ModelCIF file with pLDDT and N, C-alpha, C, O atoms, coordinates in Angstrom:
data_MODEL
#
_entry.id   MODEL 
#
_entity.id                         1 
_entity.type                       polymer 
_entity.pdbx_number_of_molecules   1 
#
_entity_poly.entity_id                      1 
_entity_poly.type                           'polypeptide(L)' 
_entity_poly.nstd_linkage                   no 
_entity_poly.nstd_monomer                   no 
_entity_poly.pdbx_seq_one_letter_code       TSSNYHMGWFRQAPGKERKFVAAISWNGASTSYEDSVKGRFTISRDNA 
_entity_poly.pdbx_seq_one_letter_code_can   TSSNYHMGWFRQAPGKERKFVAAISWNGASTSYEDSVKGRFTISRDNA 
_entity_poly.pdbx_strand_id                 A 
#
loop_
_entity_poly_seq.entity_id 
_entity_poly_seq.num 
_entity_poly_seq.mon_id 
_entity_poly_seq.hetero 
1 1  THR n 
1 2  SER n 
1 3  SER n 
1 4  ASN n 
1 5  TYR n 
1 6  HIS n 
1 7  MET n 
1 8  GLY n 
1 9  TRP n 
1 10 PHE n 
1 11 ARG n 
1 12 GLN n 
1 13 ALA n 
1 14 PRO n 
1 15 GLY n 
1 16 LYS n 
1 17 GLU n 
1 18 ARG n 
1 19 LYS n 
1 20 PHE n 
1 21 VAL n 
1 22 ALA n 
1 23 ALA n 
1 24 ILE n 
1 25 SER n 
1 26 TRP n 
1 27 ASN n 
1 28 GLY n 
1 29 ALA n 
1 30 SER n 
1 31 THR n 
1 32 SER n 
1 33 TYR n 
1 34 GLU n 
1 35 ASP n 
1 36 SER n 
1 37 VAL n 
1 38 LYS n 
1 39 GLY n 
1 40 ARG n 
1 41 PHE n 
1 42 THR n 
1 43 ILE n 
1 44 SER n 
1 45 ARG n 
1 46 ASP n 
1 47 ASN n 
1 48 ALA n 
#
_struct_asym.id          A 
_struct_asym.entity_id   1 
#
loop_
_ma_qa_metric.id 
_ma_qa_metric.mode 
_ma_qa_metric.name 
_ma_qa_metric.software_group_id 
_ma_qa_metric.type 
1 global pLDDT . pLDDT 
2 local  pLDDT . pLDDT 
#
_ma_qa_metric_global.metric_id      1 
_ma_qa_metric_global.metric_value   95.60 
_ma_qa_metric_global.model_id       1 
_ma_qa_metric_global.ordinal_id     1 
#
loop_
_ma_qa_metric_local.label_asym_id 
_ma_qa_metric_local.label_comp_id 
_ma_qa_metric_local.label_seq_id 
_ma_qa_metric_local.metric_id 
_ma_qa_metric_local.metric_value 
_ma_qa_metric_local.model_id 
_ma_qa_metric_local.ordinal_id 
A THR 1  2 82.00 1 1  
A SER 2  2 77.00 1 2  
A SER 3  2 81.00 1 3  
A ASN 4  2 90.00 1 4  
A TYR 5  2 95.00 1 5  
A HIS 6  2 96.00 1 6  
A MET 7  2 97.00 1 7  
A GLY 8  2 98.00 1 8  
A TRP 9  2 98.00 1 9  
A PHE 10 2 98.00 1 10 
A ARG 11 2 98.00 1 11 
A GLN 12 2 98.00 1 12 
A ALA 13 2 96.00 1 13 
A PRO 14 2 92.00 1 14 
A GLY 15 2 95.00 1 15 
A LYS 16 2 97.00 1 16 
A GLU 17 2 97.00 1 17 
A ARG 18 2 97.00 1 18 
A LYS 19 2 97.00 1 19 
A PHE 20 2 98.00 1 20 
A VAL 21 2 98.00 1 21 
A ALA 22 2 98.00 1 22 
A ALA 23 2 98.00 1 23 
A ILE 24 2 97.00 1 24 
A SER 25 2 96.00 1 25 
A TRP 26 2 95.00 1 26 
A ASN 27 2 95.00 1 27 
A GLY 28 2 95.00 1 28 
A ALA 29 2 96.00 1 29 
A SER 30 2 96.00 1 30 
A THR 31 2 97.00 1 31 
A SER 32 2 97.00 1 32 
A TYR 33 2 98.00 1 33 
A GLU 34 2 97.00 1 34 
A ASP 35 2 97.00 1 35 
A SER 36 2 97.00 1 36 
A VAL 37 2 98.00 1 37 
A LYS 38 2 98.00 1 38 
A GLY 39 2 98.00 1 39 
A ARG 40 2 98.00 1 40 
A PHE 41 2 98.00 1 41 
A THR 42 2 98.00 1 42 
A ILE 43 2 98.00 1 43 
A SER 44 2 98.00 1 44 
A ARG 45 2 97.00 1 45 
A ASP 46 2 96.00 1 46 
A ASN 47 2 94.00 1 47 
A ALA 48 2 94.00 1 48 
#
loop_
_atom_site.group_PDB 
_atom_site.id 
_atom_site.type_symbol 
_atom_site.label_atom_id 
_atom_site.label_alt_id 
_atom_site.label_comp_id 
_atom_site.label_asym_id 
_atom_site.label_entity_id 
_atom_site.label_seq_id 
_atom_site.pdbx_PDB_ins_code 
_atom_site.Cartn_x 
_atom_site.Cartn_y 
_atom_site.Cartn_z 
_atom_site.occupancy 
_atom_site.B_iso_or_equiv 
_atom_site.pdbx_formal_charge 
_atom_site.auth_seq_id 
_atom_site.auth_comp_id 
_atom_site.auth_asym_id 
_atom_site.auth_atom_id 
_atom_site.pdbx_PDB_model_num 
ATOM 1   N N  . THR A 1 1  ? 71.943 -100.808 30.677 1.00 82.00 ? 1  THR A N  1 
ATOM 2   C CA . THR A 1 1  ? 71.039 -99.559  30.235 1.00 82.00 ? 1  THR A CA 1 
ATOM 3   C C  . THR A 1 1  ? 70.346 -99.189  31.461 1.00 82.00 ? 1  THR A C  1 
ATOM 4   O O  . THR A 1 1  ? 69.705 -100.154 31.878 1.00 82.00 ? 1  THR A O  1 
ATOM 5   N N  . SER A 1 2  ? 70.246 -98.292  32.099 1.00 77.00 ? 2  SER A N  1 
ATOM 6   C CA . SER A 1 2  ? 69.474 -97.654  33.303 1.00 77.00 ? 2  SER A CA 1 
ATOM 7   C C  . SER A 1 2  ? 67.974 -97.876  33.256 1.00 77.00 ? 2  SER A C  1 
ATOM 8   O O  . SER A 1 2  ? 67.230 -97.932  34.235 1.00 77.00 ? 2  SER A O  1 
ATOM 9   N N  . SER A 1 3  ? 67.611 -98.003  31.889 1.00 81.00 ? 3  SER A N  1 
ATOM 10  C CA . SER A 1 3  ? 65.888 -98.058  31.543 1.00 81.00 ? 3  SER A CA 1 
ATOM 11  C C  . SER A 1 3  ? 65.633 -99.520  31.722 1.00 81.00 ? 3  SER A C  1 
ATOM 12  O O  . SER A 1 3  ? 64.446 -99.801  31.553 1.00 81.00 ? 3  SER A O  1 
ATOM 13  N N  . ASN A 1 4  ? 66.318 -100.414 31.981 1.00 90.00 ? 4  ASN A N  1 
ATOM 14  C CA . ASN A 1 4  ? 65.995 -101.811 32.358 1.00 90.00 ? 4  ASN A CA 1 
ATOM 15  C C  . ASN A 1 4  ? 65.435 -101.963 33.719 1.00 90.00 ? 4  ASN A C  1 
ATOM 16  O O  . ASN A 1 4  ? 64.769 -102.935 34.077 1.00 90.00 ? 4  ASN A O  1 
ATOM 17  N N  . TYR A 1 5  ? 65.755 -100.902 34.491 1.00 95.00 ? 5  TYR A N  1 
ATOM 18  C CA . TYR A 1 5  ? 65.730 -100.843 35.975 1.00 95.00 ? 5  TYR A CA 1 
ATOM 19  C C  . TYR A 1 5  ? 64.782 -99.995  36.674 1.00 95.00 ? 5  TYR A C  1 
ATOM 20  O O  . TYR A 1 5  ? 64.820 -98.814  36.327 1.00 95.00 ? 5  TYR A O  1 
ATOM 21  N N  . HIS A 1 6  ? 63.884 -100.322 37.630 1.00 96.00 ? 6  HIS A N  1 
ATOM 22  C CA . HIS A 1 6  ? 63.531 -99.436  38.557 1.00 96.00 ? 6  HIS A CA 1 
ATOM 23  C C  . HIS A 1 6  ? 64.763 -98.953  39.622 1.00 96.00 ? 6  HIS A C  1 
ATOM 24  O O  . HIS A 1 6  ? 65.696 -99.638  40.041 1.00 96.00 ? 6  HIS A O  1 
ATOM 25  N N  . MET A 1 7  ? 64.479 -97.696  39.880 1.00 97.00 ? 7  MET A N  1 
ATOM 26  C CA . MET A 1 7  ? 65.617 -97.344  40.694 1.00 97.00 ? 7  MET A CA 1 
ATOM 27  C C  . MET A 1 7  ? 65.127 -96.766  41.928 1.00 97.00 ? 7  MET A C  1 
ATOM 28  O O  . MET A 1 7  ? 64.094 -96.097  41.885 1.00 97.00 ? 7  MET A O  1 
ATOM 29  N N  . GLY A 1 8  ? 65.789 -96.955  43.115 1.00 98.00 ? 8  GLY A N  1 
ATOM 30  C CA . GLY A 1 8  ? 65.439 -96.357  44.376 1.00 98.00 ? 8  GLY A CA 1 
ATOM 31  C C  . GLY A 1 8  ? 66.478 -95.708  45.140 1.00 98.00 ? 8  GLY A C  1 
ATOM 32  O O  . GLY A 1 8  ? 67.693 -95.818  44.971 1.00 98.00 ? 8  GLY A O  1 
ATOM 33  N N  . TRP A 1 9  ? 65.768 -94.912  46.134 1.00 98.00 ? 9  TRP A N  1 
ATOM 34  C CA . TRP A 1 9  ? 66.863 -94.049  47.153 1.00 98.00 ? 9  TRP A CA 1 
ATOM 35  C C  . TRP A 1 9  ? 66.437 -94.609  48.563 1.00 98.00 ? 9  TRP A C  1 
ATOM 36  O O  . TRP A 1 9  ? 65.296 -94.581  49.023 1.00 98.00 ? 9  TRP A O  1 
ATOM 37  N N  . PHE A 1 10 ? 67.516 -95.102  49.138 1.00 98.00 ? 10 PHE A N  1 
ATOM 38  C CA . PHE A 1 10 ? 67.376 -95.468  50.442 1.00 98.00 ? 10 PHE A CA 1 
ATOM 39  C C  . PHE A 1 10 ? 68.455 -94.473  51.339 1.00 98.00 ? 10 PHE A C  1 
ATOM 40  O O  . PHE A 1 10 ? 69.312 -93.738  50.849 1.00 98.00 ? 10 PHE A O  1 
ATOM 41  N N  . ARG A 1 11 ? 68.143 -94.678  52.868 1.00 98.00 ? 11 ARG A N  1 
ATOM 42  C CA . ARG A 1 11 ? 69.108 -93.936  53.656 1.00 98.00 ? 11 ARG A CA 1 
ATOM 43  C C  . ARG A 1 11 ? 69.189 -94.615  54.760 1.00 98.00 ? 11 ARG A C  1 
ATOM 44  O O  . ARG A 1 11 ? 68.231 -95.287  55.141 1.00 98.00 ? 11 ARG A O  1 
ATOM 45  N N  . GLN A 1 12 ? 70.321 -94.551  55.438 1.00 98.00 ? 12 GLN A N  1 
ATOM 46  C CA . GLN A 1 12 ? 70.629 -95.168  56.561 1.00 98.00 ? 12 GLN A CA 1 
ATOM 47  C C  . GLN A 1 12 ? 71.372 -94.196  57.733 1.00 98.00 ? 12 GLN A C  1 
ATOM 48  O O  . GLN A 1 12 ? 72.445 -93.631  57.524 1.00 98.00 ? 12 GLN A O  1 
ATOM 49  N N  . ALA A 1 13 ? 70.705 -94.112  58.849 1.00 96.00 ? 13 ALA A N  1 
ATOM 50  C CA . ALA A 1 13 ? 71.280 -93.039  59.921 1.00 96.00 ? 13 ALA A CA 1 
ATOM 51  C C  . ALA A 1 13 ? 72.221 -93.997  60.758 1.00 96.00 ? 13 ALA A C  1 
ATOM 52  O O  . ALA A 1 13 ? 72.004 -95.207  60.816 1.00 96.00 ? 13 ALA A O  1 
ATOM 53  N N  . PRO A 1 14 ? 73.115 -93.478  61.302 1.00 92.00 ? 14 PRO A N  1 
ATOM 54  C CA . PRO A 1 14 ? 74.059 -94.172  62.346 1.00 92.00 ? 14 PRO A CA 1 
ATOM 55  C C  . PRO A 1 14 ? 73.133 -94.999  63.339 1.00 92.00 ? 14 PRO A C  1 
ATOM 56  O O  . PRO A 1 14 ? 72.222 -94.502  64.001 1.00 92.00 ? 14 PRO A O  1 
ATOM 57  N N  . GLY A 1 15 ? 73.527 -96.420  63.341 1.00 95.00 ? 15 GLY A N  1 
ATOM 58  C CA . GLY A 1 15 ? 72.774 -97.340  64.445 1.00 95.00 ? 15 GLY A CA 1 
ATOM 59  C C  . GLY A 1 15 ? 71.425 -97.735  63.847 1.00 95.00 ? 15 GLY A C  1 
ATOM 60  O O  . GLY A 1 15 ? 70.688 -98.507  64.460 1.00 95.00 ? 15 GLY A O  1 
ATOM 61  N N  . LYS A 1 16 ? 71.082 -97.210  62.635 1.00 97.00 ? 16 LYS A N  1 
ATOM 62  C CA . LYS A 1 16 ? 69.520 -97.601  62.280 1.00 97.00 ? 16 LYS A CA 1 
ATOM 63  C C  . LYS A 1 16 ? 69.775 -98.390  61.092 1.00 97.00 ? 16 LYS A C  1 
ATOM 64  O O  . LYS A 1 16 ? 70.838 -98.562  60.495 1.00 97.00 ? 16 LYS A O  1 
ATOM 65  N N  . GLU A 1 17 ? 68.393 -98.925  60.804 1.00 97.00 ? 17 GLU A N  1 
ATOM 66  C CA . GLU A 1 17 ? 68.219 -99.766  59.645 1.00 97.00 ? 17 GLU A CA 1 
ATOM 67  C C  . GLU A 1 17 ? 68.382 -98.891  58.072 1.00 97.00 ? 17 GLU A C  1 
ATOM 68  O O  . GLU A 1 17 ? 68.311 -97.662  58.084 1.00 97.00 ? 17 GLU A O  1 
ATOM 69  N N  . ARG A 1 18 ? 68.547 -99.463  57.078 1.00 97.00 ? 18 ARG A N  1 
ATOM 70  C CA . ARG A 1 18 ? 68.534 -98.951  56.001 1.00 97.00 ? 18 ARG A CA 1 
ATOM 71  C C  . ARG A 1 18 ? 67.262 -98.709  55.538 1.00 97.00 ? 18 ARG A C  1 
ATOM 72  O O  . ARG A 1 18 ? 66.565 -99.723  55.496 1.00 97.00 ? 18 ARG A O  1 
ATOM 73  N N  . LYS A 1 19 ? 66.623 -97.465  55.099 1.00 97.00 ? 19 LYS A N  1 
ATOM 74  C CA . LYS A 1 19 ? 64.931 -97.223  54.957 1.00 97.00 ? 19 LYS A CA 1 
ATOM 75  C C  . LYS A 1 19 ? 64.900 -96.705  53.768 1.00 97.00 ? 19 LYS A C  1 
ATOM 76  O O  . LYS A 1 19 ? 65.783 -95.924  53.413 1.00 97.00 ? 19 LYS A O  1 
ATOM 77  N N  . PHE A 1 20 ? 63.814 -97.079  52.912 1.00 98.00 ? 20 PHE A N  1 
ATOM 78  C CA . PHE A 1 20 ? 63.309 -96.481  51.782 1.00 98.00 ? 20 PHE A CA 1 
ATOM 79  C C  . PHE A 1 20 ? 63.063 -95.086  51.882 1.00 98.00 ? 20 PHE A C  1 
ATOM 80  O O  . PHE A 1 20 ? 62.570 -94.555  52.877 1.00 98.00 ? 20 PHE A O  1 
ATOM 81  N N  . VAL A 1 21 ? 63.464 -94.402  50.685 1.00 98.00 ? 21 VAL A N  1 
ATOM 82  C CA . VAL A 1 21 ? 63.088 -93.105  50.713 1.00 98.00 ? 21 VAL A CA 1 
ATOM 83  C C  . VAL A 1 21 ? 62.273 -92.488  49.731 1.00 98.00 ? 21 VAL A C  1 
ATOM 84  O O  . VAL A 1 21 ? 61.536 -91.522  49.930 1.00 98.00 ? 21 VAL A O  1 
ATOM 85  N N  . ALA A 1 22 ? 62.482 -93.248  48.386 1.00 98.00 ? 22 ALA A N  1 
ATOM 86  C CA . ALA A 1 22 ? 61.681 -92.950  47.233 1.00 98.00 ? 22 ALA A CA 1 
ATOM 87  C C  . ALA A 1 22 ? 62.126 -93.801  45.958 1.00 98.00 ? 22 ALA A C  1 
ATOM 88  O O  . ALA A 1 22 ? 63.252 -94.299  45.943 1.00 98.00 ? 22 ALA A O  1 
ATOM 89  N N  . ALA A 1 23 ? 61.354 -93.947  45.022 1.00 98.00 ? 23 ALA A N  1 
ATOM 90  C CA . ALA A 1 23 ? 61.562 -94.821  43.890 1.00 98.00 ? 23 ALA A CA 1 
ATOM 91  C C  . ALA A 1 23 ? 60.944 -94.458  42.578 1.00 98.00 ? 23 ALA A C  1 
ATOM 92  O O  . ALA A 1 23 ? 59.797 -94.010  42.558 1.00 98.00 ? 23 ALA A O  1 
ATOM 93  N N  . ILE A 1 24 ? 61.569 -94.610  41.582 1.00 97.00 ? 24 ILE A N  1 
ATOM 94  C CA . ILE A 1 24 ? 60.918 -94.497  40.221 1.00 97.00 ? 24 ILE A CA 1 
ATOM 95  C C  . ILE A 1 24 ? 60.964 -95.612  39.275 1.00 97.00 ? 24 ILE A C  1 
ATOM 96  O O  . ILE A 1 24 ? 61.936 -96.367  39.243 1.00 97.00 ? 24 ILE A O  1 
ATOM 97  N N  . SER A 1 25 ? 60.012 -95.739  38.549 1.00 96.00 ? 25 SER A N  1 
ATOM 98  C CA . SER A 1 25 ? 60.021 -96.811  37.636 1.00 96.00 ? 25 SER A CA 1 
ATOM 99  C C  . SER A 1 25 ? 61.008 -96.627  36.541 1.00 96.00 ? 25 SER A C  1 
ATOM 100 O O  . SER A 1 25 ? 61.648 -95.605  36.293 1.00 96.00 ? 25 SER A O  1 
ATOM 101 N N  . TRP A 1 26 ? 61.040 -97.914  35.844 1.00 95.00 ? 26 TRP A N  1 
ATOM 102 C CA . TRP A 1 26 ? 62.000 -97.802  34.680 1.00 95.00 ? 26 TRP A CA 1 
ATOM 103 C C  . TRP A 1 26 ? 61.941 -96.748  33.609 1.00 95.00 ? 26 TRP A C  1 
ATOM 104 O O  . TRP A 1 26 ? 62.934 -96.383  32.979 1.00 95.00 ? 26 TRP A O  1 
ATOM 105 N N  . ASN A 1 27 ? 60.649 -96.248  33.425 1.00 95.00 ? 27 ASN A N  1 
ATOM 106 C CA . ASN A 1 27 ? 60.324 -95.373  32.388 1.00 95.00 ? 27 ASN A CA 1 
ATOM 107 C C  . ASN A 1 27 ? 59.845 -93.842  32.924 1.00 95.00 ? 27 ASN A C  1 
ATOM 108 O O  . ASN A 1 27 ? 59.445 -92.911  32.224 1.00 95.00 ? 27 ASN A O  1 
ATOM 109 N N  . GLY A 1 28 ? 59.995 -93.879  34.225 1.00 95.00 ? 28 GLY A N  1 
ATOM 110 C CA . GLY A 1 28 ? 59.507 -92.572  34.840 1.00 95.00 ? 28 GLY A CA 1 
ATOM 111 C C  . GLY A 1 28 ? 58.129 -92.231  35.139 1.00 95.00 ? 28 GLY A C  1 
ATOM 112 O O  . GLY A 1 28 ? 57.771 -91.227  35.755 1.00 95.00 ? 28 GLY A O  1 
ATOM 113 N N  . ALA A 1 29 ? 57.338 -93.189  34.632 1.00 96.00 ? 29 ALA A N  1 
ATOM 114 C CA . ALA A 1 29 ? 55.964 -92.796  34.815 1.00 96.00 ? 29 ALA A CA 1 
ATOM 115 C C  . ALA A 1 29 ? 55.473 -93.101  36.294 1.00 96.00 ? 29 ALA A C  1 
ATOM 116 O O  . ALA A 1 29 ? 54.429 -92.550  36.644 1.00 96.00 ? 29 ALA A O  1 
ATOM 117 N N  . SER A 1 30 ? 56.048 -93.827  37.084 1.00 96.00 ? 30 SER A N  1 
ATOM 118 C CA . SER A 1 30 ? 55.532 -94.064  38.462 1.00 96.00 ? 30 SER A CA 1 
ATOM 119 C C  . SER A 1 30 ? 56.718 -93.752  39.467 1.00 96.00 ? 30 SER A C  1 
ATOM 120 O O  . SER A 1 30 ? 57.896 -94.089  39.350 1.00 96.00 ? 30 SER A O  1 
ATOM 121 N N  . THR A 1 31 ? 56.024 -92.910  40.642 1.00 97.00 ? 31 THR A N  1 
ATOM 122 C CA . THR A 1 31 ? 57.122 -92.692  41.684 1.00 97.00 ? 31 THR A CA 1 
ATOM 123 C C  . THR A 1 31 ? 56.390 -93.110  43.065 1.00 97.00 ? 31 THR A C  1 
ATOM 124 O O  . THR A 1 31 ? 55.180 -93.288  43.202 1.00 97.00 ? 31 THR A O  1 
ATOM 125 N N  . SER A 1 32 ? 57.231 -93.207  43.900 1.00 97.00 ? 32 SER A N  1 
ATOM 126 C CA . SER A 1 32 ? 56.908 -93.598  45.275 1.00 97.00 ? 32 SER A CA 1 
ATOM 127 C C  . SER A 1 32 ? 57.653 -92.809  46.284 1.00 97.00 ? 32 SER A C  1 
ATOM 128 O O  . SER A 1 32 ? 58.761 -92.368  45.981 1.00 97.00 ? 32 SER A O  1 
ATOM 129 N N  . TYR A 1 33 ? 57.115 -92.577  47.533 1.00 98.00 ? 33 TYR A N  1 
ATOM 130 C CA . TYR A 1 33 ? 57.896 -91.792  48.433 1.00 98.00 ? 33 TYR A CA 1 
ATOM 131 C C  . TYR A 1 33 ? 57.534 -92.244  49.934 1.00 98.00 ? 33 TYR A C  1 
ATOM 132 O O  . TYR A 1 33 ? 56.398 -92.619  50.225 1.00 98.00 ? 33 TYR A O  1 
ATOM 133 N N  . GLU A 1 34 ? 58.441 -92.189  50.734 1.00 97.00 ? 34 GLU A N  1 
ATOM 134 C CA . GLU A 1 34 ? 58.143 -92.528  52.020 1.00 97.00 ? 34 GLU A CA 1 
ATOM 135 C C  . GLU A 1 34 ? 57.506 -91.162  52.727 1.00 97.00 ? 34 GLU A C  1 
ATOM 136 O O  . GLU A 1 34 ? 57.871 -90.033  52.398 1.00 97.00 ? 34 GLU A O  1 
ATOM 137 N N  . ASP A 1 35 ? 56.557 -91.409  53.691 1.00 97.00 ? 35 ASP A N  1 
ATOM 138 C CA . ASP A 1 35 ? 55.780 -90.541  53.999 1.00 97.00 ? 35 ASP A CA 1 
ATOM 139 C C  . ASP A 1 35 ? 56.547 -89.214  54.686 1.00 97.00 ? 35 ASP A C  1 
ATOM 140 O O  . ASP A 1 35 ? 55.882 -88.178  54.718 1.00 97.00 ? 35 ASP A O  1 
ATOM 141 N N  . SER A 1 36 ? 57.604 -89.192  55.116 1.00 97.00 ? 36 SER A N  1 
ATOM 142 C CA . SER A 1 36 ? 58.112 -88.351  55.696 1.00 97.00 ? 36 SER A CA 1 
ATOM 143 C C  . SER A 1 36 ? 58.747 -87.120  54.814 1.00 97.00 ? 36 SER A C  1 
ATOM 144 O O  . SER A 1 36 ? 58.961 -85.981  55.230 1.00 97.00 ? 36 SER A O  1 
ATOM 145 N N  . VAL A 1 37 ? 58.955 -87.543  53.706 1.00 98.00 ? 37 VAL A N  1 
ATOM 146 C CA . VAL A 1 37 ? 59.799 -86.984  52.516 1.00 98.00 ? 37 VAL A CA 1 
ATOM 147 C C  . VAL A 1 37 ? 58.731 -86.233  51.304 1.00 98.00 ? 37 VAL A C  1 
ATOM 148 O O  . VAL A 1 37 ? 59.001 -85.368  50.472 1.00 98.00 ? 37 VAL A O  1 
ATOM 149 N N  . LYS A 1 38 ? 57.525 -86.897  51.567 1.00 98.00 ? 38 LYS A N  1 
ATOM 150 C CA . LYS A 1 38 ? 56.688 -86.434  50.680 1.00 98.00 ? 38 LYS A CA 1 
ATOM 151 C C  . LYS A 1 38 ? 56.419 -84.665  50.571 1.00 98.00 ? 38 LYS A C  1 
ATOM 152 O O  . LYS A 1 38 ? 56.301 -83.959  51.572 1.00 98.00 ? 38 LYS A O  1 
ATOM 153 N N  . GLY A 1 39 ? 56.364 -84.223  49.357 1.00 98.00 ? 39 GLY A N  1 
ATOM 154 C CA . GLY A 1 39 ? 56.314 -82.673  49.454 1.00 98.00 ? 39 GLY A CA 1 
ATOM 155 C C  . GLY A 1 39 ? 57.603 -82.097  49.492 1.00 98.00 ? 39 GLY A C  1 
ATOM 156 O O  . GLY A 1 39 ? 57.703 -80.920  49.146 1.00 98.00 ? 39 GLY A O  1 
ATOM 157 N N  . ARG A 1 40 ? 58.755 -82.810  49.905 1.00 98.00 ? 40 ARG A N  1 
ATOM 158 C CA . ARG A 1 40 ? 59.985 -82.118  50.035 1.00 98.00 ? 40 ARG A CA 1 
ATOM 159 C C  . ARG A 1 40 ? 60.898 -82.696  49.107 1.00 98.00 ? 40 ARG A C  1 
ATOM 160 O O  . ARG A 1 40 ? 61.574 -81.935  48.414 1.00 98.00 ? 40 ARG A O  1 
ATOM 161 N N  . PHE A 1 41 ? 61.031 -84.058  48.980 1.00 98.00 ? 41 PHE A N  1 
ATOM 162 C CA . PHE A 1 41 ? 61.913 -84.649  48.002 1.00 98.00 ? 41 PHE A CA 1 
ATOM 163 C C  . PHE A 1 41 ? 61.153 -85.046  46.683 1.00 98.00 ? 41 PHE A C  1 
ATOM 164 O O  . PHE A 1 41 ? 59.986 -85.431  46.752 1.00 98.00 ? 41 PHE A O  1 
ATOM 165 N N  . THR A 1 42 ? 61.844 -84.949  45.427 1.00 98.00 ? 42 THR A N  1 
ATOM 166 C CA . THR A 1 42 ? 61.476 -85.354  44.334 1.00 98.00 ? 42 THR A CA 1 
ATOM 167 C C  . THR A 1 42 ? 62.551 -86.371  43.581 1.00 98.00 ? 42 THR A C  1 
ATOM 168 O O  . THR A 1 42 ? 63.724 -86.035  43.421 1.00 98.00 ? 42 THR A O  1 
ATOM 169 N N  . ILE A 1 43 ? 62.087 -87.508  43.185 1.00 98.00 ? 43 ILE A N  1 
ATOM 170 C CA . ILE A 1 43 ? 62.940 -88.272  42.251 1.00 98.00 ? 43 ILE A CA 1 
ATOM 171 C C  . ILE A 1 43 ? 62.661 -88.188  41.153 1.00 98.00 ? 43 ILE A C  1 
ATOM 172 O O  . ILE A 1 43 ? 61.501 -87.873  40.889 1.00 98.00 ? 43 ILE A O  1 
ATOM 173 N N  . SER A 1 44 ? 63.546 -88.418  40.150 1.00 98.00 ? 44 SER A N  1 
ATOM 174 C CA . SER A 1 44 ? 63.623 -88.147  38.690 1.00 98.00 ? 44 SER A CA 1 
ATOM 175 C C  . SER A 1 44 ? 64.703 -88.987  37.930 1.00 98.00 ? 44 SER A C  1 
ATOM 176 O O  . SER A 1 44 ? 65.658 -89.452  38.553 1.00 98.00 ? 44 SER A O  1 
ATOM 177 N N  . ARG A 1 45 ? 64.566 -89.166  36.686 1.00 97.00 ? 45 ARG A N  1 
ATOM 178 C CA . ARG A 1 45 ? 65.470 -89.984  36.117 1.00 97.00 ? 45 ARG A CA 1 
ATOM 179 C C  . ARG A 1 45 ? 65.735 -89.356  34.555 1.00 97.00 ? 45 ARG A C  1 
ATOM 180 O O  . ARG A 1 45 ? 64.848 -88.773  33.931 1.00 97.00 ? 45 ARG A O  1 
ATOM 181 N N  . ASP A 1 46 ? 67.098 -89.576  34.040 1.00 96.00 ? 46 ASP A N  1 
ATOM 182 C CA . ASP A 1 46 ? 67.344 -89.195  32.656 1.00 96.00 ? 46 ASP A CA 1 
ATOM 183 C C  . ASP A 1 46 ? 68.035 -90.310  32.120 1.00 96.00 ? 46 ASP A C  1 
ATOM 184 O O  . ASP A 1 46 ? 69.262 -90.387  32.196 1.00 96.00 ? 46 ASP A O  1 
ATOM 185 N N  . ASN A 1 47 ? 67.153 -91.402  31.445 1.00 94.00 ? 47 ASN A N  1 
ATOM 186 C CA . ASN A 1 47 ? 67.557 -92.453  30.925 1.00 94.00 ? 47 ASN A CA 1 
ATOM 187 C C  . ASN A 1 47 ? 68.546 -92.164  30.009 1.00 94.00 ? 47 ASN A C  1 
ATOM 188 O O  . ASN A 1 47 ? 69.514 -92.923  30.066 1.00 94.00 ? 47 ASN A O  1 
ATOM 189 N N  . ALA A 1 48 ? 68.589 -91.273  29.166 1.00 94.00 ? 48 ALA A N  1 
ATOM 190 C CA . ALA A 1 48 ? 69.534 -90.870  27.995 1.00 94.00 ? 48 ALA A CA 1 
ATOM 191 C C  . ALA A 1 48 ? 70.955 -90.592  28.607 1.00 94.00 ? 48 ALA A C  1 
ATOM 192 O O  . ALA A 1 48 ? 71.887 -90.253  27.877 1.00 94.00 ? 48 ALA A O  1 
#
């Protein structure tokens, strides 16, 4: 069940390290974003 997990998105460009983009808590109550995507990207979840 996805609701047992916090979920994150990461990205990796060629020749670069994998980096954090965004995350959302198990119940959707909390989110976090890397500075360069704030205001442009939105993370969400549908546990159903």
